N, C-alpha and C. Protein backbone atom coordinates (compact mmCIF):
# COMPACT_ATOMS: atom_id res chain seq x y z
N UNK A 1 0.89 -1.00 -0.09
CA UNK A 1 -0.23 -0.41 0.10
C UNK A 1 1.07 1.14 -0.05
N UNK A 2 1.99 1.19 0.67
CA UNK A 2 2.58 2.59 0.41
C UNK A 2 3.18 2.83 -0.48
N UNK A 3 4.05 1.58 -1.32
CA UNK A 3 4.64 1.77 -2.42
C UNK A 3 3.40 2.29 -3.94
N UNK A 4 2.42 1.87 -3.39
CA UNK A 4 1.47 2.69 -4.33
C UNK A 4 1.34 4.12 -4.14
N UNK A 5 1.28 4.07 -2.50
CA UNK A 5 0.28 5.90 -2.98
C UNK A 5 1.73 6.24 -3.32
N UNK A 6 2.93 6.00 -2.59
CA UNK A 6 4.23 6.84 -3.54
C UNK A 6 4.05 7.10 -4.96
N UNK A 7 3.10 5.92 -5.83
CA UNK A 7 3.35 6.34 -7.18
C UNK A 7 1.90 7.05 -7.27
N UNK A 8 0.79 7.31 -6.50
CA UNK A 8 -0.06 7.96 -6.89
C UNK A 8 0.07 9.15 -6.69
N UNK A 9 1.17 9.59 -6.06
CA UNK A 9 1.40 10.80 -5.62
C UNK A 9 1.47 12.05 -7.00
N UNK A 10 2.47 11.78 -7.74
CA UNK A 10 2.02 12.03 -9.02
C UNK A 10 1.04 12.22 -10.32
N UNK A 11 0.59 11.02 -9.90
CA UNK A 11 -0.59 11.04 -10.99
C UNK A 11 -2.04 11.90 -9.84
N UNK A 12 -1.80 12.19 -8.66
CA UNK A 12 -2.88 13.23 -7.90
C UNK A 12 -2.58 14.72 -8.20
N UNK A 13 -1.82 14.33 -8.89
CA UNK A 13 -1.19 15.93 -8.91
C UNK A 13 -1.49 16.61 -10.23
N UNK A 14 -1.16 15.22 -11.31
CA UNK A 14 -1.99 15.21 -12.80
C UNK A 14 -3.53 15.94 -12.30
N UNK A 15 -4.34 14.72 -11.74
CA UNK A 15 -5.47 15.14 -11.94
C UNK A 15 -5.97 16.37 -11.45
N UNK A 16 -5.66 16.93 -10.37
CA UNK A 16 -5.20 18.44 -9.29
C UNK A 16 -5.12 19.40 -11.07
N UNK A 17 -3.75 19.54 -11.52
CA UNK A 17 -3.58 20.08 -12.62
C UNK A 17 -4.88 20.15 -13.93
N UNK A 18 -5.28 18.51 -13.87
CA UNK A 18 -6.18 19.10 -15.07
C UNK A 18 -7.53 19.38 -14.45
N UNK A 19 -8.10 18.69 -13.55
CA UNK A 19 -9.51 19.43 -12.65
C UNK A 19 -9.41 21.32 -13.01
N UNK A 20 -8.11 22.03 -12.03
CA UNK A 20 -8.34 22.94 -12.07
C UNK A 20 -7.97 24.24 -13.93
N UNK A 21 -7.42 23.25 -14.24
CA UNK A 21 -7.17 23.80 -15.43
C UNK A 21 -8.76 23.99 -16.63
N UNK A 22 -9.27 22.80 -16.49
CA UNK A 22 -10.84 22.79 -16.90
C UNK A 22 -11.99 24.01 -16.09
N UNK A 23 -11.47 24.05 -14.80
CA UNK A 23 -12.34 24.64 -14.35
C UNK A 23 -12.50 26.52 -14.57
N UNK A 24 -11.04 26.58 -15.08
CA UNK A 24 -10.89 28.01 -15.15
C UNK A 24 -11.29 28.34 -16.50
N UNK A 25 -11.20 27.08 -17.45
CA UNK A 25 -11.82 27.02 -18.80
C UNK A 25 -13.23 27.32 -19.08
N UNK A 26 -14.01 26.42 -17.41
CA UNK A 26 -15.07 26.43 -17.34
C UNK A 26 -15.87 28.08 -17.35
N UNK A 27 -15.24 28.59 -16.10
CA UNK A 27 -15.24 29.96 -15.99
C UNK A 27 -14.85 30.88 -17.03
N UNK A 28 -14.41 30.44 -17.85
CA UNK A 28 -13.99 31.45 -18.86
C UNK A 28 -15.24 31.66 -19.72
N UNK A 29 -15.47 30.21 -20.09
CA UNK A 29 -16.84 29.95 -20.86
C UNK A 29 -18.18 30.65 -20.58
N UNK A 30 -17.93 29.70 -19.91
CA UNK A 30 -20.06 30.14 -18.96
C UNK A 30 -20.09 30.51 -17.79
N UNK A 31 -18.99 31.30 -17.05
CA UNK A 31 -19.26 32.06 -16.02
C UNK A 31 -20.08 33.45 -16.44
N UNK A 32 -21.33 33.22 -15.06
CA UNK A 32 -22.54 34.97 -15.50
C UNK A 32 -23.08 34.18 -16.59
N UNK A 33 -23.53 33.30 -17.39
CA UNK A 33 -23.94 33.13 -18.25
C UNK A 33 -25.72 32.32 -18.02
N UNK A 34 -25.08 31.06 -17.13
CA UNK A 34 -27.02 30.15 -16.62
C UNK A 34 -27.36 30.68 -15.58
N UNK A 35 -28.19 31.31 -16.41
CA UNK A 35 -29.14 31.83 -15.63
C UNK A 35 -30.66 31.04 -16.26
N UNK A 36 -31.33 30.57 -15.25
CA UNK A 36 -32.62 30.16 -15.87
C UNK A 36 -33.85 30.25 -15.52
N UNK A 37 -35.09 31.15 -15.54
CA UNK A 37 -36.40 30.97 -15.24
C UNK A 37 -36.91 29.55 -14.61
N UNK A 38 -38.15 29.98 -14.33
CA UNK A 38 -38.97 28.59 -13.60
C UNK A 38 -39.20 27.51 -14.69
N UNK A 39 -39.58 28.50 -16.34
CA UNK A 39 -39.71 27.63 -17.08
C UNK A 39 -38.17 26.82 -18.10
N UNK A 40 -37.44 26.90 -16.80
CA UNK A 40 -35.97 26.30 -17.71
C UNK A 40 -35.68 27.08 -19.05
N UNK A 41 -36.07 28.12 -18.82
CA UNK A 41 -35.79 29.71 -20.08
C UNK A 41 -34.30 29.86 -19.69
N UNK A 42 -34.03 30.12 -20.47
CA UNK A 42 -32.51 31.58 -20.11
C UNK A 42 -33.43 32.72 -20.03
N UNK A 43 -32.60 33.22 -18.99
CA UNK A 43 -33.21 34.64 -18.61
C UNK A 43 -31.82 34.95 -17.71
N UNK A 44 -31.39 35.96 -18.10
CA UNK A 44 -29.93 36.68 -17.70
C UNK A 44 -30.63 37.85 -17.06
N UNK A 45 -31.37 38.15 -16.67
CA UNK A 45 -31.55 39.35 -15.73
C UNK A 45 -32.42 38.91 -14.83
N UNK A 46 -33.30 37.80 -14.73
CA UNK A 46 -34.28 37.56 -13.62
C UNK A 46 -33.94 36.28 -12.87
N UNK A 47 -33.05 35.55 -13.98
CA UNK A 47 -33.26 34.13 -14.10
C UNK A 47 -32.43 33.54 -12.63
N UNK A 48 -32.61 32.01 -12.19
CA UNK A 48 -31.69 32.05 -10.91
C UNK A 48 -30.19 31.07 -11.40
N UNK A 49 -29.65 31.09 -10.84
CA UNK A 49 -28.39 30.08 -11.48
C UNK A 49 -28.62 28.56 -11.04
N UNK A 50 -27.91 27.58 -11.45
CA UNK A 50 -28.18 26.83 -10.83
C UNK A 50 -27.20 26.36 -9.90
N UNK A 51 -27.56 24.86 -9.60
CA UNK A 51 -26.61 24.57 -8.44
C UNK A 51 -25.37 24.18 -9.18
N UNK A 52 -24.60 23.40 -10.14
CA UNK A 52 -24.01 23.05 -11.10
C UNK A 52 -23.25 24.50 -11.87
N UNK A 53 -22.71 25.31 -11.19
CA UNK A 53 -22.40 26.81 -12.62
C UNK A 53 -20.92 26.85 -12.75
N UNK A 54 -20.88 27.57 -13.18
CA UNK A 54 -19.16 27.95 -13.07
C UNK A 54 -19.44 30.14 -12.52
N UNK A 55 -19.79 29.90 -12.02
CA UNK A 55 -19.73 31.59 -11.35
C UNK A 55 -18.16 31.60 -10.53
N UNK A 56 -18.03 30.75 -10.32
CA UNK A 56 -16.38 30.75 -8.76
C UNK A 56 -16.01 30.19 -9.04
N UNK A 57 -14.74 30.11 -8.99
CA UNK A 57 -13.56 28.77 -8.98
C UNK A 57 -13.61 27.59 -8.01
N UNK A 58 -15.12 27.84 -6.73
CA UNK A 58 -15.28 26.28 -5.95
C UNK A 58 -16.32 26.03 -6.36
N UNK A 59 -16.95 26.71 -7.48
CA UNK A 59 -18.35 25.90 -8.12
C UNK A 59 -17.75 25.26 -9.17
N UNK A 60 -16.69 26.13 -9.99
CA UNK A 60 -16.32 25.38 -11.02
C UNK A 60 -15.97 24.09 -10.97
N UNK A 61 -14.42 24.15 -9.95
CA UNK A 61 -14.38 22.40 -9.36
C UNK A 61 -15.23 21.43 -9.46
N UNK A 62 -16.16 21.73 -8.10
CA UNK A 62 -16.88 21.12 -7.87
C UNK A 62 -17.87 20.24 -9.36
N UNK A 63 -18.64 21.47 -10.13
CA UNK A 63 -19.05 21.01 -11.54
C UNK A 63 -17.84 20.43 -12.71
N UNK A 64 -16.72 20.65 -12.57
CA UNK A 64 -15.83 19.56 -12.99
C UNK A 64 -15.63 18.12 -12.78
N UNK A 65 -15.64 18.43 -11.09
CA UNK A 65 -15.65 17.06 -10.73
C UNK A 65 -16.63 16.34 -11.11
N UNK A 66 -17.91 16.69 -10.75
CA UNK A 66 -19.22 15.54 -10.86
C UNK A 66 -19.08 15.47 -12.29
N UNK A 67 -18.87 16.40 -13.33
CA UNK A 67 -18.63 15.96 -14.96
C UNK A 67 -17.85 14.99 -15.21
N UNK A 68 -16.63 15.04 -14.03
CA UNK A 68 -15.69 13.76 -14.14
C UNK A 68 -15.80 12.09 -13.86
N UNK A 69 -17.06 12.47 -12.66
CA UNK A 69 -17.59 11.24 -11.90
C UNK A 69 -18.85 10.60 -13.04
N UNK A 70 -19.02 11.46 -13.64
CA UNK A 70 -20.45 10.71 -14.46
C UNK A 70 -20.96 11.34 -13.51
N UNK A 71 -21.71 12.19 -12.89
CA UNK A 71 -22.78 12.18 -11.87
C UNK A 71 -24.04 13.28 -12.55
N UNK A 72 -24.80 12.84 -14.12
CA UNK A 72 -25.34 13.49 -14.76
C UNK A 72 -24.81 14.93 -15.22
N UNK A 73 -23.82 14.42 -16.24
CA UNK A 73 -22.80 15.72 -16.84
C UNK A 73 -24.03 16.46 -18.07
N UNK A 74 -24.99 15.47 -18.33
CA UNK A 74 -25.44 15.73 -19.74
C UNK A 74 -26.34 16.79 -19.38
N UNK A 75 -26.58 16.56 -17.93
CA UNK A 75 -27.46 17.83 -18.03
C UNK A 75 -26.92 18.98 -17.67
N UNK A 76 -25.52 18.93 -17.37
CA UNK A 76 -25.11 20.07 -17.46
C UNK A 76 -24.71 20.98 -18.41
N UNK A 77 -24.18 19.93 -19.54
CA UNK A 77 -23.78 20.25 -20.87
C UNK A 77 -24.68 20.96 -22.03
N UNK A 78 -26.02 20.18 -21.59
CA UNK A 78 -27.35 21.27 -21.84
C UNK A 78 -27.76 22.38 -21.13
N UNK A 79 -27.09 22.78 -19.92
CA UNK A 79 -27.32 23.85 -19.52
C UNK A 79 -26.58 25.08 -20.84
N UNK A 80 -25.13 23.94 -20.70
CA UNK A 80 -24.65 25.37 -21.04
C UNK A 80 -24.33 25.37 -22.69
N UNK A 81 -24.83 24.38 -23.36
CA UNK A 81 -25.20 24.70 -24.24
C UNK A 81 -26.44 25.69 -25.17
N UNK A 82 -27.57 25.60 -24.17
CA UNK A 82 -28.63 26.25 -23.94
C UNK A 82 -28.32 27.83 -24.05
N UNK A 83 -27.30 28.63 -22.64
CA UNK A 83 -26.69 28.87 -22.56
C UNK A 83 -26.13 30.24 -23.27
N UNK A 84 -25.15 29.38 -24.10
CA UNK A 84 -23.96 29.60 -25.18
C UNK A 84 -23.60 29.33 -26.05
N UNK A 85 -24.32 28.25 -26.89
CA UNK A 85 -24.11 27.72 -28.26
C UNK A 85 -24.01 26.32 -27.59
N UNK A 86 -24.07 25.70 -29.57
CA UNK A 86 -23.33 24.69 -29.62
C UNK A 86 -21.95 23.80 -29.18
N UNK A 87 -21.36 25.27 -28.90
CA UNK A 87 -19.23 25.41 -29.52
C UNK A 87 -18.88 24.44 -28.06
N UNK A 88 -19.97 24.70 -27.13
CA UNK A 88 -20.07 24.24 -25.58
C UNK A 88 -19.87 22.23 -25.45
N UNK A 89 -20.59 22.24 -26.59
CA UNK A 89 -20.25 20.55 -26.62
C UNK A 89 -19.29 20.15 -26.65
N UNK A 90 -17.96 21.03 -27.49
CA UNK A 90 -16.63 20.65 -27.56
C UNK A 90 -15.76 21.00 -26.21
N UNK A 91 -16.19 21.66 -24.94
CA UNK A 91 -15.86 21.74 -24.05
C UNK A 91 -15.88 20.73 -23.08
N UNK A 92 -16.86 19.99 -22.96
CA UNK A 92 -17.41 18.85 -22.38
C UNK A 92 -17.16 17.70 -23.09
N UNK A 93 -16.53 17.02 -24.38
CA UNK A 93 -16.69 16.56 -25.18
C UNK A 93 -14.90 15.91 -24.55
N UNK A 94 -14.23 17.41 -25.02
CA UNK A 94 -13.00 16.74 -24.40
C UNK A 94 -12.99 16.87 -22.76
N UNK A 95 -13.42 17.24 -21.72
CA UNK A 95 -13.58 16.83 -20.56
C UNK A 95 -13.85 15.46 -20.02
N UNK A 96 -14.83 15.35 -20.85
CA UNK A 96 -15.19 13.44 -20.75
C UNK A 96 -14.07 12.88 -21.56
N UNK A 97 -13.97 12.86 -22.46
CA UNK A 97 -12.42 11.51 -23.03
C UNK A 97 -11.43 11.91 -22.31
N UNK A 98 -11.07 13.03 -21.80
CA UNK A 98 -9.44 13.04 -20.97
C UNK A 98 -9.41 12.54 -19.90
N UNK A 99 -11.01 13.12 -19.38
CA UNK A 99 -11.19 12.66 -17.70
C UNK A 99 -11.29 11.75 -17.02
N UNK A 100 -12.31 11.02 -17.78
CA UNK A 100 -12.98 10.04 -17.64
C UNK A 100 -12.36 8.79 -18.42
N UNK A 101 -12.47 8.79 -19.37
CA UNK A 101 -11.66 7.53 -20.49
C UNK A 101 -9.66 7.56 -20.13
N UNK A 102 -9.30 8.54 -20.13
CA UNK A 102 -7.93 8.53 -19.82
C UNK A 102 -7.19 8.63 -19.06
N UNK A 103 -7.69 9.51 -17.78
CA UNK A 103 -7.00 9.91 -16.72
C UNK A 103 -7.63 8.63 -15.71
N UNK A 104 -8.89 8.42 -15.96
CA UNK A 104 -9.51 7.41 -14.95
C UNK A 104 -9.08 5.88 -14.79
N UNK A 105 -8.80 5.78 -16.46
CA UNK A 105 -8.51 4.28 -16.85
C UNK A 105 -6.89 4.62 -16.19
N UNK A 106 -6.07 5.80 -16.59
CA UNK A 106 -5.06 4.94 -16.29
C UNK A 106 -4.43 5.64 -14.69
N UNK A 107 -5.60 5.80 -13.68
CA UNK A 107 -5.54 5.89 -12.41
C UNK A 107 -5.87 3.84 -12.29
N UNK A 108 -6.57 3.32 -12.35
CA UNK A 108 -6.70 2.09 -12.12
C UNK A 108 -5.06 1.34 -12.99
N UNK A 109 -5.58 1.29 -13.66
CA UNK A 109 -4.07 0.55 -14.77
C UNK A 109 -2.58 1.31 -13.87
N UNK A 110 -2.26 2.23 -13.11
CA UNK A 110 -1.20 2.56 -12.01
C UNK A 110 -1.68 1.50 -10.69
N UNK A 111 -2.97 1.30 -10.33
CA UNK A 111 -3.36 1.14 -9.09
C UNK A 111 -2.90 -0.40 -9.44
N UNK A 112 -3.20 -0.90 -10.29
CA UNK A 112 -3.60 -2.60 -10.83
C UNK A 112 -2.02 -2.65 -10.55
N UNK A 113 -1.65 -2.58 -11.59
CA UNK A 113 0.13 -2.62 -11.79
C UNK A 113 0.44 -2.38 -10.77
N UNK A 114 0.57 -1.61 -9.71
CA UNK A 114 1.33 -1.50 -8.63
C UNK A 114 0.76 -2.23 -7.56
N UNK A 115 -0.15 -3.08 -7.57
CA UNK A 115 -0.72 -4.31 -6.89
C UNK A 115 -0.24 -5.30 -7.05
N UNK A 116 -0.05 -5.54 -8.35
CA UNK A 116 0.41 -6.90 -9.11
C UNK A 116 1.89 -6.77 -8.64
N UNK A 117 2.90 -5.78 -8.76
CA UNK A 117 3.69 -5.59 -8.74
C UNK A 117 4.41 -6.16 -7.53
N UNK A 118 3.53 -5.88 -6.42
CA UNK A 118 3.45 -5.53 -5.00
C UNK A 118 3.60 -7.24 -5.18
N UNK A 119 2.77 -7.73 -4.99
CA UNK A 119 2.39 -9.22 -5.21
C UNK A 119 3.35 -9.93 -5.40
N UNK A 120 4.60 -9.64 -6.43
CA UNK A 120 5.12 -10.66 -7.42
C UNK A 120 6.13 -10.73 -6.46
N UNK A 121 7.00 -9.25 -5.52
CA UNK A 121 7.42 -8.85 -4.45
C UNK A 121 7.33 -9.91 -3.27
N UNK A 122 5.98 -9.84 -2.69
CA UNK A 122 5.71 -10.57 -1.66
C UNK A 122 6.07 -12.33 -1.78
N UNK A 123 5.49 -13.02 -3.00
CA UNK A 123 5.57 -14.27 -3.47
C UNK A 123 7.25 -14.51 -3.69
N UNK A 124 7.67 -13.53 -4.30
CA UNK A 124 9.28 -13.88 -4.31
C UNK A 124 10.38 -13.63 -2.81
N UNK A 125 9.76 -13.13 -2.17
CA UNK A 125 10.53 -13.20 -0.88
C UNK A 125 9.92 -14.74 0.00
N UNK A 126 8.83 -14.37 -0.06
CA UNK A 126 8.08 -15.89 0.75
C UNK A 126 8.99 -17.25 0.01
N UNK A 127 9.47 -16.96 -1.27
CA UNK A 127 9.97 -18.07 -1.78
C UNK A 127 11.41 -18.14 -1.52
N UNK A 128 11.79 -17.03 -1.35
CA UNK A 128 13.04 -17.48 -0.76
C UNK A 128 13.32 -17.22 0.42
N UNK A 129 12.93 -17.17 1.44
CA UNK A 129 12.46 -17.88 3.08
C UNK A 129 12.38 -19.16 3.16
N UNK A 130 12.10 -19.79 2.13
CA UNK A 130 11.27 -21.00 2.25
C UNK A 130 11.97 -21.15 2.11
N UNK A 131 13.49 -20.89 1.15
CA UNK A 131 14.82 -22.01 0.94
C UNK A 131 15.51 -21.85 1.55
């Protein structure tokens, strides 16, 4: 476990950097534009901001993390498309492809590889002690 945690530190820094960059990009593209009335239509004057928004850095990070774990990211994407246009889908496609598919699979590959390596080390040490 200790060996795996030491290797995962550099991976976690990549994840933090990824989330921070996409949170800043989300703020740049969507901050102040996600305001909807009670009918669900865009209303920049009297509308209310949904919970998942990009108005502040903290909510932007929470929104990016919500999309990365796959919790109703399509709803967030459709709100952004409704507010800014269809080009917002490119932001979400990039975030999902790089975040969920590449970074999360890299996490599992590192984790499984390190556990396998630790298992081999444990087997070799038991074999050497038995001789």
